[in-house]
Amino acid sequence: MYLPKKDIKETLDTLEVPVFQENQTVFNELPAITFKVTNNDVDLFLDNTISHQNIEVQIDIWAESSVEASSLLSRVEEKMRNDLYHMNYSADVPNTGNIFHIVSRFNKSI
């Protein structure tokens, strides 16, 4: 079974912004990215071996402005697409204070 966390972290680290697995409540620097694997299920052949996996990753973007968050989302989408992930959801989340937040989800079948 393929466990994607390490590869996702390495991909997102190339964006040169802080990247954290799961949620962090206090950011020392913005923009920042948090991510988590929300699904990693397998389909099996009749002989009980893995035929393929369905992976879903949630990536949250945190920034000081809506424009900065959207710009980073565009860069995230390109990096994830290059790693054969398909963005299937993206939305602004009401901001808290001066932090703008975009949530996005990416799927990949291997």
PDB file of N, CA and C in Angstrom:
ATOM      1  N   MET A   1       0.850  -1.184   0.000  1.00  0.00           N
ATOM      2  CA  MET A   1       0.000   0.000   0.000  1.00  0.00           C
ATOM      3  C   MET A   1       0.891   1.242   0.000  1.00  0.00           C
ATOM      4  N   TYR A   2       0.537   2.173  -0.853  1.00  0.00           N
ATOM      5  CA  TYR A   2       1.271   3.425  -0.971  1.00  0.00           C
ATOM      6  C   TYR A   2       0.763   4.414   0.075  1.00  0.00           C
ATOM      7  N   LEU A   3       1.684   5.025   0.820  1.00  0.00           N
ATOM      8  CA  LEU A   3       1.352   6.045   1.811  1.00  0.00           C
ATOM      9  C   LEU A   3       1.896   7.380   1.299  1.00  0.00           C
ATOM     10  N   PRO A   4       1.016   8.311   0.920  1.00  0.00           N
ATOM     11  CA  PRO A   4       1.432   9.489   0.153  1.00  0.00           C
ATOM     12  C   PRO A   4       1.956  10.685   0.938  1.00  0.00           C
ATOM     13  N   LYS A   5       1.891  10.689   2.262  1.00  0.00           N
ATOM     14  CA  LYS A   5       2.197  11.907   3.029  1.00  0.00           C
ATOM     15  C   LYS A   5       3.582  12.468   2.734  1.00  0.00           C
ATOM     16  N   LYS A   6       4.594  11.625   2.730  1.00  0.00           N
ATOM     17  CA  LYS A   6       5.963  12.103   2.514  1.00  0.00           C
ATOM     18  C   LYS A   6       6.094  12.767   1.146  1.00  0.00           C
ATOM     19  N   ASP A   7       5.540  12.135   0.110  1.00  0.00           N
ATOM     20  CA  ASP A   7       5.633  12.685  -1.246  1.00  0.00           C
ATOM     21  C   ASP A   7       4.869  14.002  -1.372  1.00  0.00           C
ATOM     22  N   ILE A   8       3.707  14.090  -0.736  1.00  0.00           N
ATOM     23  CA  ILE A   8       2.927  15.335  -0.779  1.00  0.00           C
ATOM     24  C   ILE A   8       3.699  16.456  -0.092  1.00  0.00           C
ATOM     25  N   LYS A   9       4.260  16.161   1.065  1.00  0.00           N
ATOM     26  CA  LYS A   9       5.051  17.162   1.804  1.00  0.00           C
ATOM     27  C   LYS A   9       6.217  17.648   0.956  1.00  0.00           C
ATOM     28  N   GLU A  10       6.931  16.731   0.320  1.00  0.00           N
ATOM     29  CA  GLU A  10       8.066  17.114  -0.522  1.00  0.00           C
ATOM     30  C   GLU A  10       7.623  17.967  -1.713  1.00  0.00           C
ATOM     31  N   THR A  11       6.494  17.629  -2.306  1.00  0.00           N
ATOM     32  CA  THR A  11       5.959  18.419  -3.423  1.00  0.00           C
ATOM     33  C   THR A  11       5.611  19.828  -2.969  1.00  0.00           C
ATOM     34  N   LEU A  12       4.902  19.943  -1.858  1.00  0.00           N
ATOM     35  CA  LEU A  12       4.484  21.256  -1.367  1.00  0.00           C
ATOM     36  C   LEU A  12       5.667  22.078  -0.861  1.00  0.00           C
ATOM     37  N   ASP A  13       6.687  21.416  -0.329  1.00  0.00           N
ATOM     38  CA  ASP A  13       7.878  22.137   0.139  1.00  0.00           C
ATOM     39  C   ASP A  13       8.580  22.889  -0.992  1.00  0.00           C
ATOM     40  N   THR A  14       8.416  22.449  -2.232  1.00  0.00           N
ATOM     41  CA  THR A  14       9.058  23.132  -3.354  1.00  0.00           C
ATOM     42  C   THR A  14       8.476  24.527  -3.586  1.00  0.00           C
ATOM     43  N   LEU A  15       7.342  24.825  -2.969  1.00  0.00           N
ATOM     44  CA  LEU A  15       6.714  26.142  -3.100  1.00  0.00           C
ATOM     45  C   LEU A  15       7.393  27.192  -2.214  1.00  0.00           C
ATOM     46  N   GLU A  16       8.272  26.737  -1.349  1.00  0.00           N
ATOM     47  CA  GLU A  16       9.065  27.620  -0.489  1.00  0.00           C
ATOM     48  C   GLU A  16       8.215  28.497   0.432  1.00  0.00           C
ATOM     49  N   VAL A  17       7.150  27.903   0.973  1.00  0.00           N
ATOM     50  CA  VAL A  17       6.378  28.498   2.062  1.00  0.00           C
ATOM     51  C   VAL A  17       6.292  27.431   3.153  1.00  0.00           C
ATOM     52  N   PRO A  18       6.042  27.829   4.403  1.00  0.00           N
ATOM     53  CA  PRO A  18       5.926  26.820   5.457  1.00  0.00           C
ATOM     54  C   PRO A  18       4.797  25.829   5.160  1.00  0.00           C
ATOM     55  N   VAL A  19       5.090  24.535   5.323  1.00  0.00           N
ATOM     56  CA  VAL A  19       4.125  23.462   5.068  1.00  0.00           C
ATOM     57  C   VAL A  19       4.038  22.603   6.318  1.00  0.00           C
ATOM     58  N   PHE A  20       2.810  22.362   6.775  1.00  0.00           N
ATOM     59  CA  PHE A  20       2.584  21.563   7.973  1.00  0.00           C
ATOM     60  C   PHE A  20       1.566  20.474   7.674  1.00  0.00           C
ATOM     61  N   GLN A  21       1.798  19.314   8.242  1.00  0.00           N
ATOM     62  CA  GLN A  21       0.814  18.248   8.131  1.00  0.00           C
ATOM     63  C   GLN A  21      -0.256  18.496   9.183  1.00  0.00           C
ATOM     64  N   GLU A  22      -1.516  18.354   8.784  1.00  0.00           N
ATOM     65  CA  GLU A  22      -2.666  18.646   9.638  1.00  0.00           C
ATOM     66  C   GLU A  22      -2.750  20.132   9.920  1.00  0.00           C
ATOM     67  N   ASN A  23      -3.495  20.505  10.948  1.00  0.00           N
ATOM     68  CA  ASN A  23      -3.720  21.922  11.236  1.00  0.00           C
ATOM     69  C   ASN A  23      -2.787  22.429  12.318  1.00  0.00           C
ATOM     70  N   GLN A  24      -2.346  23.627  12.130  1.00  0.00           N
ATOM     71  CA  GLN A  24      -1.574  24.327  13.146  1.00  0.00           C
ATOM     72  C   GLN A  24      -2.380  25.562  13.508  1.00  0.00           C
ATOM     73  N   THR A  25      -2.551  25.826  14.775  1.00  0.00           N
ATOM     74  CA  THR A  25      -3.415  26.939  15.172  1.00  0.00           C
ATOM     75  C   THR A  25      -2.709  28.284  15.160  1.00  0.00           C
ATOM     76  N   VAL A  26      -1.387  28.299  15.341  1.00  0.00           N
ATOM     77  CA  VAL A  26      -0.642  29.547  15.353  1.00  0.00           C
ATOM     78  C   VAL A  26       0.413  29.499  14.256  1.00  0.00           C
ATOM     79  N   PHE A  27       0.369  30.488  13.370  1.00  0.00           N
ATOM     80  CA  PHE A  27       1.344  30.567  12.295  1.00  0.00           C
ATOM     81  C   PHE A  27       2.391  31.605  12.651  1.00  0.00           C
ATOM     82  N   ASN A  28       3.649  31.261  12.464  1.00  0.00           N
ATOM     83  CA  ASN A  28       4.725  32.212  12.682  1.00  0.00           C
ATOM     84  C   ASN A  28       5.003  33.023  11.427  1.00  0.00           C
ATOM     85  N   GLU A  29       4.512  32.512  10.290  1.00  0.00           N
ATOM     86  CA  GLU A  29       4.799  33.148   9.008  1.00  0.00           C
ATOM     87  C   GLU A  29       3.657  32.840   8.037  1.00  0.00           C
ATOM     88  N   LEU A  30       3.249  33.846   7.287  1.00  0.00           N
ATOM     89  CA  LEU A  30       2.246  33.660   6.240  1.00  0.00           C
ATOM     90  C   LEU A  30       2.854  34.107   4.920  1.00  0.00           C
ATOM     91  N   PRO A  31       2.480  33.520   3.812  1.00  0.00           N
ATOM     92  CA  PRO A  31       1.498  32.453   3.684  1.00  0.00           C
ATOM     93  C   PRO A  31       2.045  31.131   4.226  1.00  0.00           C
ATOM     94  N   ALA A  32       1.109  30.216   4.480  1.00  0.00           N
ATOM     95  CA  ALA A  32       1.453  28.882   4.958  1.00  0.00           C
ATOM     96  C   ALA A  32       0.457  27.889   4.379  1.00  0.00           C
ATOM     97  N   ILE A  33       0.855  26.630   4.390  1.00  0.00           N
ATOM     98  CA  ILE A  33       0.022  25.542   3.865  1.00  0.00           C
ATOM     99  C   ILE A  33      -0.079  24.460   4.922  1.00  0.00           C
ATOM    100  N   THR A  34      -1.294  23.943   5.117  1.00  0.00           N
ATOM    101  CA  THR A  34      -1.487  22.735   5.916  1.00  0.00           C
ATOM    102  C   THR A  34      -2.138  21.697   5.013  1.00  0.00           C
ATOM    103  N   PHE A  35      -1.869  20.425   5.297  1.00  0.00           N
ATOM    104  CA  PHE A  35      -2.482  19.374   4.487  1.00  0.00           C
ATOM    105  C   PHE A  35      -2.756  18.144   5.338  1.00  0.00           C
ATOM    106  N   LYS A  36      -3.695  17.341   4.843  1.00  0.00           N
ATOM    107  CA  LYS A  36      -3.967  16.040   5.457  1.00  0.00           C
ATOM    108  C   LYS A  36      -4.544  15.115   4.402  1.00  0.00           C
ATOM    109  N   VAL A  37      -4.276  13.844   4.558  1.00  0.00           N
ATOM    110  CA  VAL A  37      -4.859  12.827   3.691  1.00  0.00           C
ATOM    111  C   VAL A  37      -6.234  12.510   4.272  1.00  0.00           C
ATOM    112  N   THR A  38      -7.278  12.792   3.509  1.00  0.00           N
ATOM    113  CA  THR A  38      -8.640  12.567   4.008  1.00  0.00           C
ATOM    114  C   THR A  38      -9.210  11.230   3.575  1.00  0.00           C
ATOM    115  N   ASN A  39      -8.560  10.601   2.595  1.00  0.00           N
ATOM    116  CA  ASN A  39      -8.990   9.270   2.161  1.00  0.00           C
ATOM    117  C   ASN A  39      -7.819   8.567   1.484  1.00  0.00           C
ATOM    118  N   ASN A  40      -7.675   7.290   1.765  1.00  0.00           N
ATOM    119  CA  ASN A  40      -6.676   6.461   1.094  1.00  0.00           C
ATOM    120  C   ASN A  40      -7.205   5.037   1.087  1.00  0.00           C
ATOM    121  N   ASP A  41      -8.250   4.821   0.293  1.00  0.00           N
ATOM    122  CA  ASP A  41      -8.852   3.495   0.271  1.00  0.00           C
ATOM    123  C   ASP A  41      -8.307   2.672  -0.888  1.00  0.00           C
ATOM    124  N   VAL A  42      -8.430   1.370  -0.769  1.00  0.00           N
ATOM    125  CA  VAL A  42      -7.915   0.461  -1.792  1.00  0.00           C
ATOM    126  C   VAL A  42      -9.055  -0.353  -2.389  1.00  0.00           C
ATOM    127  N   ASP A  43      -8.878  -0.706  -3.649  1.00  0.00           N
ATOM    128  CA  ASP A  43      -9.743  -1.682  -4.306  1.00  0.00           C
ATOM    129  C   ASP A  43      -8.897  -2.928  -4.525  1.00  0.00           C
ATOM    130  N   LEU A  44      -9.525  -4.071  -4.372  1.00  0.00           N
ATOM    131  CA  LEU A  44      -8.786  -5.331  -4.412  1.00  0.00           C
ATOM    132  C   LEU A  44      -9.168  -6.189  -5.605  1.00  0.00           C
ATOM    133  N   PHE A  45      -8.195  -6.976  -6.068  1.00  0.00           N
ATOM    134  CA  PHE A  45      -8.462  -8.038  -7.022  1.00  0.00           C
ATOM    135  C   PHE A  45      -9.088  -9.209  -6.266  1.00  0.00           C
ATOM    136  N   LEU A  46      -9.597 -10.178  -6.986  1.00  0.00           N
ATOM    137  CA  LEU A  46     -10.200 -11.348  -6.347  1.00  0.00           C
ATOM    138  C   LEU A  46      -9.200 -12.133  -5.502  1.00  0.00           C
ATOM    139  N   ASP A  47      -7.909 -12.046  -5.833  1.00  0.00           N
ATOM    140  CA  ASP A  47      -6.901 -12.763  -5.044  1.00  0.00           C
ATOM    141  C   ASP A  47      -6.443 -11.972  -3.820  1.00  0.00           C
ATOM    142  N   ASN A  48      -7.136 -10.869  -3.503  1.00  0.00           N
ATOM    143  CA  ASN A  48      -6.901 -10.054  -2.315  1.00  0.00           C
ATOM    144  C   ASN A  48      -5.648  -9.177  -2.401  1.00  0.00           C
ATOM    145  N   THR A  49      -5.130  -8.954  -3.593  1.00  0.00           N
ATOM    146  CA  THR A  49      -4.045  -7.998  -3.768  1.00  0.00           C
ATOM    147  C   THR A  49      -4.650  -6.663  -4.200  1.00  0.00           C
ATOM    148  N   ILE A  50      -3.903  -5.603  -4.003  1.00  0.00           N
ATOM    149  CA  ILE A  50      -4.412  -4.265  -4.300  1.00  0.00           C
ATOM    150  C   ILE A  50      -4.417  -4.025  -5.812  1.00  0.00           C
ATOM    151  N   SER A  51      -5.584  -3.661  -6.333  1.00  0.00           N
ATOM    152  CA  SER A  51      -5.670  -3.315  -7.751  1.00  0.00           C
ATOM    153  C   SER A  51      -5.353  -1.830  -7.948  1.00  0.00           C
ATOM    154  N   HIS A  52      -5.884  -0.963  -7.071  1.00  0.00           N
ATOM    155  CA  HIS A  52      -5.529   0.455  -7.095  1.00  0.00           C
ATOM    156  C   HIS A  52      -5.990   1.139  -5.811  1.00  0.00           C
ATOM    157  N   GLN A  53      -5.464   2.342  -5.610  1.00  0.00           N
ATOM    158  CA  GLN A  53      -5.815   3.145  -4.450  1.00  0.00           C
ATOM    159  C   GLN A  53      -6.444   4.451  -4.904  1.00  0.00           C
ATOM    160  N   ASN A  54      -7.375   4.923  -4.097  1.00  0.00           N
ATOM    161  CA  ASN A  54      -8.013   6.218  -4.314  1.00  0.00           C
ATOM    162  C   ASN A  54      -7.569   7.133  -3.180  1.00  0.00           C
ATOM    163  N   ILE A  55      -6.825   8.168  -3.522  1.00  0.00           N
ATOM    164  CA  ILE A  55      -6.261   9.062  -2.521  1.00  0.00           C
ATOM    165  C   ILE A  55      -6.925  10.424  -2.643  1.00  0.00           C
ATOM    166  N   GLU A  56      -7.327  10.983  -1.511  1.00  0.00           N
ATOM    167  CA  GLU A  56      -7.821  12.353  -1.466  1.00  0.00           C
ATOM    168  C   GLU A  56      -7.015  13.128  -0.433  1.00  0.00           C
ATOM    169  N   VAL A  57      -6.562  14.311  -0.816  1.00  0.00           N
ATOM    170  CA  VAL A  57      -5.755  15.164   0.048  1.00  0.00           C
ATOM    171  C   VAL A  57      -6.453  16.508   0.186  1.00  0.00           C
ATOM    172  N   GLN A  58      -6.563  16.973   1.420  1.00  0.00           N
ATOM    173  CA  GLN A  58      -7.077  18.327   1.651  1.00  0.00           C
ATOM    174  C   GLN A  58      -5.890  19.236   1.893  1.00  0.00           C
ATOM    175  N   ILE A  59      -5.846  20.330   1.150  1.00  0.00           N
ATOM    176  CA  ILE A  59      -4.776  21.314   1.296  1.00  0.00           C
ATOM    177  C   ILE A  59      -5.408  22.659   1.639  1.00  0.00           C
ATOM    178  N   ASP A  60      -4.994  23.203   2.782  1.00  0.00           N
ATOM    179  CA  ASP A  60      -5.488  24.498   3.233  1.00  0.00           C
ATOM    180  C   ASP A  60      -4.393  25.542   3.032  1.00  0.00           C
ATOM    181  N   ILE A  61      -4.795  26.685   2.522  1.00  0.00           N
ATOM    182  CA  ILE A  61      -3.875  27.788   2.268  1.00  0.00           C
ATOM    183  C   ILE A  61      -4.264  28.940   3.183  1.00  0.00           C
ATOM    184  N   TRP A  62      -3.270  29.493   3.853  1.00  0.00           N
ATOM    185  CA  TRP A  62      -3.463  30.576   4.805  1.00  0.00           C
ATOM    186  C   TRP A  62      -2.605  31.753   4.359  1.00  0.00           C
ATOM    187  N   ALA A  63      -3.187  32.946   4.266  1.00  0.00           N
ATOM    188  CA  ALA A  63      -2.434  34.098   3.759  1.00  0.00           C
ATOM    189  C   ALA A  63      -2.972  35.389   4.356  1.00  0.00           C
ATOM    190  N   GLU A  64      -2.225  36.472   4.116  1.00  0.00           N
ATOM    191  CA  GLU A  64      -2.607  37.779   4.643  1.00  0.00           C
ATOM    192  C   GLU A  64      -3.597  38.515   3.747  1.00  0.00           C
ATOM    193  N   SER A  65      -3.808  38.023   2.524  1.00  0.00           N
ATOM    194  CA  SER A  65      -4.796  38.635   1.634  1.00  0.00           C
ATOM    195  C   SER A  65      -5.427  37.561   0.768  1.00  0.00           C
ATOM    196  N   SER A  66      -6.600  37.871   0.269  1.00  0.00           N
ATOM    197  CA  SER A  66      -7.301  36.950  -0.615  1.00  0.00           C
ATOM    198  C   SER A  66      -6.524  36.730  -1.906  1.00  0.00           C
ATOM    199  N   VAL A  67      -5.925  37.786  -2.422  1.00  0.00           N
ATOM    200  CA  VAL A  67      -5.143  37.696  -3.658  1.00  0.00           C
ATOM    201  C   VAL A  67      -3.931  36.785  -3.456  1.00  0.00           C
ATOM    202  N   GLU A  68      -3.240  36.949  -2.327  1.00  0.00           N
ATOM    203  CA  GLU A  68      -2.078  36.109  -2.035  1.00  0.00           C
ATOM    204  C   GLU A  68      -2.481  34.640  -1.895  1.00  0.00           C
ATOM    205  N   ALA A  69      -3.600  34.377  -1.233  1.00  0.00           N
ATOM    206  CA  ALA A  69      -4.089  33.006  -1.074  1.00  0.00           C
ATOM    207  C   ALA A  69      -4.442  32.395  -2.429  1.00  0.00           C
ATOM    208  N   SER A  70      -5.122  33.147  -3.273  1.00  0.00           N
ATOM    209  CA  SER A  70      -5.501  32.651  -4.600  1.00  0.00           C
ATOM    210  C   SER A  70      -4.283  32.385  -5.476  1.00  0.00           C
ATOM    211  N   SER A  71      -3.304  33.260  -5.389  1.00  0.00           N
ATOM    212  CA  SER A  71      -2.073  33.068  -6.157  1.00  0.00           C
ATOM    213  C   SER A  71      -1.354  31.792  -5.720  1.00  0.00           C
ATOM    214  N   LEU A  72      -1.303  31.562  -4.416  1.00  0.00           N
ATOM    215  CA  LEU A  72      -0.664  30.344  -3.918  1.00  0.00           C
ATOM    216  C   LEU A  72      -1.467  29.108  -4.311  1.00  0.00           C
ATOM    217  N   LEU A  73      -2.795  29.195  -4.306  1.00  0.00           N
ATOM    218  CA  LEU A  73      -3.621  28.066  -4.749  1.00  0.00           C
ATOM    219  C   LEU A  73      -3.277  27.691  -6.182  1.00  0.00           C
ATOM    220  N   SER A  74      -3.102  28.668  -7.028  1.00  0.00           N
ATOM    221  CA  SER A  74      -2.740  28.392  -8.420  1.00  0.00           C
ATOM    222  C   SER A  74      -1.423  27.616  -8.503  1.00  0.00           C
ATOM    223  N   ARG A  75      -0.454  28.005  -7.695  1.00  0.00           N
ATOM    224  CA  ARG A  75       0.841  27.313  -7.680  1.00  0.00           C
ATOM    225  C   ARG A  75       0.708  25.901  -7.107  1.00  0.00           C
ATOM    226  N   VAL A  76      -0.119  25.750  -6.053  1.00  0.00           N
ATOM    227  CA  VAL A  76      -0.362  24.423  -5.462  1.00  0.00           C
ATOM    228  C   VAL A  76      -1.015  23.505  -6.489  1.00  0.00           C
ATOM    229  N   GLU A  77      -2.024  24.036  -7.174  1.00  0.00           N
ATOM    230  CA  GLU A  77      -2.739  23.220  -8.168  1.00  0.00           C
ATOM    231  C   GLU A  77      -1.785  22.723  -9.241  1.00  0.00           C
ATOM    232  N   GLU A  78      -0.902  23.590  -9.718  1.00  0.00           N
ATOM    233  CA  GLU A  78       0.045  23.185 -10.758  1.00  0.00           C
ATOM    234  C   GLU A  78       0.982  22.090 -10.250  1.00  0.00           C
ATOM    235  N   LYS A  79       1.521  22.252  -9.031  1.00  0.00           N
ATOM    236  CA  LYS A  79       2.427  21.245  -8.465  1.00  0.00           C
ATOM    237  C   LYS A  79       1.714  19.906  -8.294  1.00  0.00           C
ATOM    238  N   MET A  80       0.500  19.956  -7.775  1.00  0.00           N
ATOM    239  CA  MET A  80      -0.245  18.711  -7.546  1.00  0.00           C
ATOM    240  C   MET A  80      -0.629  18.056  -8.874  1.00  0.00           C
ATOM    241  N   ARG A  81      -1.009  18.860  -9.857  1.00  0.00           N
ATOM    242  CA  ARG A  81      -1.341  18.311 -11.183  1.00  0.00           C
ATOM    243  C   ARG A  81      -0.133  17.637 -11.802  1.00  0.00           C
ATOM    244  N   ASN A  82       1.055  18.228 -11.615  1.00  0.00           N
ATOM    245  CA  ASN A  82       2.276  17.615 -12.120  1.00  0.00           C
ATOM    246  C   ASN A  82       2.559  16.269 -11.451  1.00  0.00           C
ATOM    247  N   ASP A  83       1.995  16.076 -10.257  1.00  0.00           N
ATOM    248  CA  ASP A  83       2.127  14.801  -9.543  1.00  0.00           C
ATOM    249  C   ASP A  83       0.882  13.929  -9.764  1.00  0.00           C
ATOM    250  N   LEU A  84       0.101  14.261 -10.812  1.00  0.00           N
ATOM    251  CA  LEU A  84      -1.065  13.502 -11.260  1.00  0.00           C
ATOM    252  C   LEU A  84      -2.270  13.564 -10.318  1.00  0.00           C
ATOM    253  N   TYR A  85      -2.347  14.605  -9.499  1.00  0.00           N
ATOM    254  CA  TYR A  85      -3.541  14.848  -8.684  1.00  0.00           C
ATOM    255  C   TYR A  85      -4.473  15.771  -9.458  1.00  0.00           C
ATOM    256  N   HIS A  86      -5.764  15.586  -9.232  1.00  0.00           N
ATOM    257  CA  HIS A  86      -6.799  16.384  -9.875  1.00  0.00           C
ATOM    258  C   HIS A  86      -7.529  17.181  -8.789  1.00  0.00           C
ATOM    259  N   MET A  87      -7.559  18.514  -8.909  1.00  0.00           N
ATOM    260  CA  MET A  87      -8.285  19.318  -7.932  1.00  0.00           C
ATOM    261  C   MET A  87      -9.783  19.163  -8.184  1.00  0.00           C
ATOM    262  N   ASN A  88     -10.504  18.690  -7.166  1.00  0.00           N
ATOM    263  CA  ASN A  88     -11.945  18.495  -7.337  1.00  0.00           C
ATOM    264  C   ASN A  88     -12.779  19.429  -6.463  1.00  0.00           C
ATOM    265  N   TYR A  89     -12.104  20.297  -5.678  1.00  0.00           N
ATOM    266  CA  TYR A  89     -12.849  21.234  -4.831  1.00  0.00           C
ATOM    267  C   TYR A  89     -11.921  22.352  -4.399  1.00  0.00           C
ATOM    268  N   SER A  90     -12.456  23.561  -4.341  1.00  0.00           N
ATOM    269  CA  SER A  90     -11.722  24.710  -3.829  1.00  0.00           C
ATOM    270  C   SER A  90     -12.741  25.762  -3.409  1.00  0.00           C
ATOM    271  N   ALA A  91     -12.538  26.332  -2.215  1.00  0.00           N
ATOM    272  CA  ALA A  91     -13.475  27.363  -1.748  1.00  0.00           C
ATOM    273  C   ALA A  91     -12.810  28.263  -0.720  1.00  0.00           C
ATOM    274  N   ASP A  92     -13.229  29.526  -0.733  1.00  0.00           N
ATOM    275  CA  ASP A  92     -12.809  30.450   0.319  1.00  0.00           C
ATOM    276  C   ASP A  92     -13.552  30.094   1.599  1.00  0.00           C
ATOM    277  N   VAL A  93     -12.854  30.208   2.709  1.00  0.00           N
ATOM    278  CA  VAL A  93     -13.454  30.011   4.023  1.00  0.00           C
ATOM    279  C   VAL A  93     -13.521  31.391   4.663  1.00  0.00           C
ATOM    280  N   PRO A  94     -14.628  31.723   5.338  1.00  0.00           N
ATOM    281  CA  PRO A  94     -14.684  33.046   5.970  1.00  0.00           C
ATOM    282  C   PRO A  94     -13.438  33.285   6.822  1.00  0.00           C
ATOM    283  N   ASN A  95     -12.812  34.449   6.622  1.00  0.00           N
ATOM    284  CA  ASN A  95     -11.551  34.711   7.320  1.00  0.00           C
ATOM    285  C   ASN A  95     -11.771  35.065   8.781  1.00  0.00           C
ATOM    286  N   THR A  96     -10.758  34.719   9.579  1.00  0.00           N
ATOM    287  CA  THR A  96     -10.765  35.034  11.000  1.00  0.00           C
ATOM    288  C   THR A  96      -9.725  36.123  11.215  1.00  0.00           C
ATOM    289  N   GLY A  97     -10.166  37.272  11.653  1.00  0.00           N
ATOM    290  CA  GLY A  97      -9.217  38.360  11.836  1.00  0.00           C
ATOM    291  C   GLY A  97      -8.639  38.778  10.496  1.00  0.00           C
ATOM    292  N   ASN A  98      -7.331  38.763  10.387  1.00  0.00           N
ATOM    293  CA  ASN A  98      -6.664  39.177   9.155  1.00  0.00           C
ATOM    294  C   ASN A  98      -6.075  38.011   8.378  1.00  0.00           C
ATOM    295  N   ILE A  99      -6.535  36.800   8.635  1.00  0.00           N
ATOM    296  CA  ILE A  99      -6.013  35.627   7.934  1.00  0.00           C
ATOM    297  C   ILE A  99      -7.061  35.145   6.934  1.00  0.00           C
ATOM    298  N   PHE A 100      -6.641  35.036   5.676  1.00  0.00           N
ATOM    299  CA  PHE A 100      -7.512  34.523   4.621  1.00  0.00           C
ATOM    300  C   PHE A 100      -7.201  33.046   4.424  1.00  0.00           C
ATOM    301  N   HIS A 101      -8.244  32.262   4.156  1.00  0.00           N
ATOM    302  CA  HIS A 101      -8.144  30.804   4.160  1.00  0.00           C
ATOM    303  C   HIS A 101      -8.872  30.238   2.943  1.00  0.00           C
ATOM    304  N   ILE A 102      -8.175  29.381   2.204  1.00  0.00           N
ATOM    305  CA  ILE A 102      -8.785  28.635   1.099  1.00  0.00           C
ATOM    306  C   ILE A 102      -8.611  27.159   1.394  1.00  0.00           C
ATOM    307  N   VAL A 103      -9.674  26.399   1.259  1.00  0.00           N
ATOM    308  CA  VAL A 103      -9.602  24.947   1.410  1.00  0.00           C
ATOM    309  C   VAL A 103      -9.723  24.330   0.012  1.00  0.00           C
ATOM    310  N   SER A 104      -8.915  23.315  -0.261  1.00  0.00           N
ATOM    311  CA  SER A 104      -8.971  22.638  -1.560  1.00  0.00           C
ATOM    312  C   SER A 104      -8.781  21.146  -1.349  1.00  0.00           C
ATOM    313  N   ARG A 105      -9.293  20.358  -2.299  1.00  0.00           N
ATOM    314  CA  ARG A 105      -9.145  18.901  -2.228  1.00  0.00           C
ATOM    315  C   ARG A 105      -8.652  18.389  -3.585  1.00  0.00           C
ATOM    316  N   PHE A 106      -7.783  17.399  -3.504  1.00  0.00           N
ATOM    317  CA  PHE A 106      -7.172  16.804  -4.692  1.00  0.00           C
ATOM    318  C   PHE A 106      -7.325  15.296  -4.632  1.00  0.00           C
ATOM    319  N   ASN A 107      -7.619  14.691  -5.783  1.00  0.00           N
ATOM    320  CA  ASN A 107      -7.759  13.239  -5.895  1.00  0.00           C
ATOM    321  C   ASN A 107      -6.711  12.660  -6.821  1.00  0.00           C
ATOM    322  N   LYS A 108      -6.379  11.399  -6.551  1.00  0.00           N
ATOM    323  CA  LYS A 108      -5.461  10.660  -7.409  1.00  0.00           C
ATOM    324  C   LYS A 108      -5.767   9.187  -7.254  1.00  0.00           C
ATOM    325  N   SER A 109      -5.785   8.473  -8.359  1.00  0.00           N
ATOM    326  CA  SER A 109      -5.934   7.011  -8.334  1.00  0.00           C
ATOM    327  C   SER A 109      -4.651   6.410  -8.868  1.00  0.00           C
ATOM    328  N   ILE A 110      -4.134   5.444  -8.130  1.00  0.00           N
ATOM    329  CA  ILE A 110      -2.907   4.775  -8.580  1.00  0.00           C
ATOM    330  C   ILE A 110      -3.098   3.272  -8.538  1.00  0.00           C
TER     331      ILE A 110
END
